[in-house]
Amino acid sequence: MQPEFAGARITLAAVLRQLGDSEGAAAESRAGMEIDITEDQRSGALFANKFGAQASQRGRPGGRHFAFRAAISSSPNYAAAHLN
C-alpha cells in the first residue's frame, strides 16, 4: 500500500468497514482525508506561487506579495514560496 496516497486509505477504509472493523475503517478514513487536505493545500500553494511569479514578471509588486503570502499561508512547509 502507498501510505501517502489518499485513495488507497479510503479504499482500505471501505474494505475494513465491509469486514466489520468500524474503528479501523474510521482511522483509515481520517488518514485519507488528512492526506487529501494536505494535497489541496499544496496545490493552492503551487497556484499562488505561480501567480506571484507572473505578477512579478508583469511588474505588479502588490499582487506578487499577496500571492506569495497566500502560498506560504496555504502550505507553510512549501519551500519555494519562502524563496520569493
Protein backbone atom coordinates (compact mmCIF):
# COMPACT_ATOMS: atom_id res chain seq x y z
CA MET A 1 0.00 0.00 0.00
CA GLN A 2 1.10 3.56 -0.64
CA PRO A 3 0.53 5.21 2.75
CA GLU A 4 0.65 8.76 1.35
CA PHE A 5 -1.98 8.07 -1.32
CA ALA A 6 -5.42 9.19 -0.09
CA GLY A 7 -7.26 6.85 -2.47
CA ALA A 8 -5.54 3.78 -1.03
CA ARG A 9 -6.50 4.81 2.51
CA ILE A 10 -10.13 5.41 1.56
CA THR A 11 -10.34 2.08 -0.29
CA LEU A 12 -8.86 0.29 2.71
CA ALA A 13 -11.43 2.00 4.92
CA ALA A 14 -14.23 0.64 2.73
CA VAL A 15 -12.80 -2.88 2.91
CA LEU A 16 -12.38 -2.67 6.68
CA ARG A 17 -15.96 -1.42 7.01
CA GLN A 18 -17.22 -4.41 4.99
CA LEU A 19 -15.24 -6.74 7.27
CA GLY A 20 -16.88 -5.17 10.32
CA ASP A 21 -13.83 -3.25 11.58
CA SER A 22 -15.52 0.11 12.11
CA GLU A 23 -12.66 1.54 14.24
CA GLY A 24 -10.04 0.63 11.63
CA ALA A 25 -12.27 2.00 8.87
CA ALA A 26 -12.71 5.27 10.73
CA ALA A 27 -8.96 5.60 11.29
CA GLU A 28 -8.17 4.96 7.63
CA SER A 29 -10.90 7.39 6.53
CA ARG A 30 -9.41 10.10 8.75
CA ALA A 31 -5.92 9.41 7.42
CA GLY A 32 -7.19 9.59 3.84
CA MET A 33 -8.97 12.89 4.47
CA GLU A 34 -5.88 14.40 6.12
CA ILE A 35 -3.75 13.42 3.13
CA ASP A 36 -6.35 14.88 0.77
CA ILE A 37 -6.45 18.17 2.68
CA THR A 38 -2.64 18.36 2.63
CA GLU A 39 -2.62 17.77 -1.13
CA ASP A 40 -5.20 20.53 -1.62
CA GLN A 41 -3.07 22.91 0.46
CA ARG A 42 -0.01 22.10 -1.64
CA SER A 43 -2.00 22.66 -4.83
CA GLY A 44 -3.20 26.01 -3.53
CA ALA A 45 0.34 27.00 -2.59
CA LEU A 46 1.67 25.98 -6.00
CA PHE A 47 -1.05 28.00 -7.77
CA ALA A 48 -0.45 31.07 -5.59
CA ASN A 49 3.31 30.79 -6.10
CA LYS A 50 2.89 30.67 -9.90
CA PHE A 51 0.52 33.62 -9.74
CA GLY A 52 3.09 35.56 -7.71
CA ALA A 53 5.80 34.83 -10.27
CA GLN A 54 3.53 36.04 -13.08
CA ALA A 55 2.64 39.21 -11.16
CA SER A 56 6.34 39.84 -10.62
CA GLN A 57 7.07 39.43 -14.34
CA ARG A 58 4.29 41.92 -15.14
CA GLY A 59 5.68 44.48 -12.72
CA ARG A 60 2.88 44.17 -10.15
CA PRO A 61 4.59 44.07 -6.75
CA GLY A 62 1.32 44.24 -4.80
CA GLY A 63 -0.04 41.14 -6.49
CA ARG A 64 3.32 39.44 -6.12
CA HIS A 65 3.48 40.00 -2.35
CA PHE A 66 -0.16 38.98 -1.86
CA ALA A 67 0.28 35.77 -3.85
CA PHE A 68 3.49 34.71 -2.12
CA ARG A 69 1.95 35.36 1.31
CA ALA A 70 -1.07 33.28 0.25
CA ALA A 71 1.25 30.45 -0.87
CA ILE A 72 3.03 30.43 2.49
CA SER A 73 -0.28 30.61 4.34
CA SER A 74 -1.73 27.69 2.35
CA SER A 75 1.24 25.44 2.94
CA PRO A 76 3.84 26.77 5.39
CA ASN A 77 6.25 23.94 4.52
CA TYR A 78 6.23 24.74 0.79
CA ALA A 79 9.84 25.87 0.42
CA ALA A 80 9.52 27.53 -2.99
CA ALA A 81 7.13 30.15 -1.61
CA HIS A 82 9.66 31.13 1.04
CA LEU A 83 12.31 31.74 -1.61
CA ASN A 84 10.31 34.52 -3.32
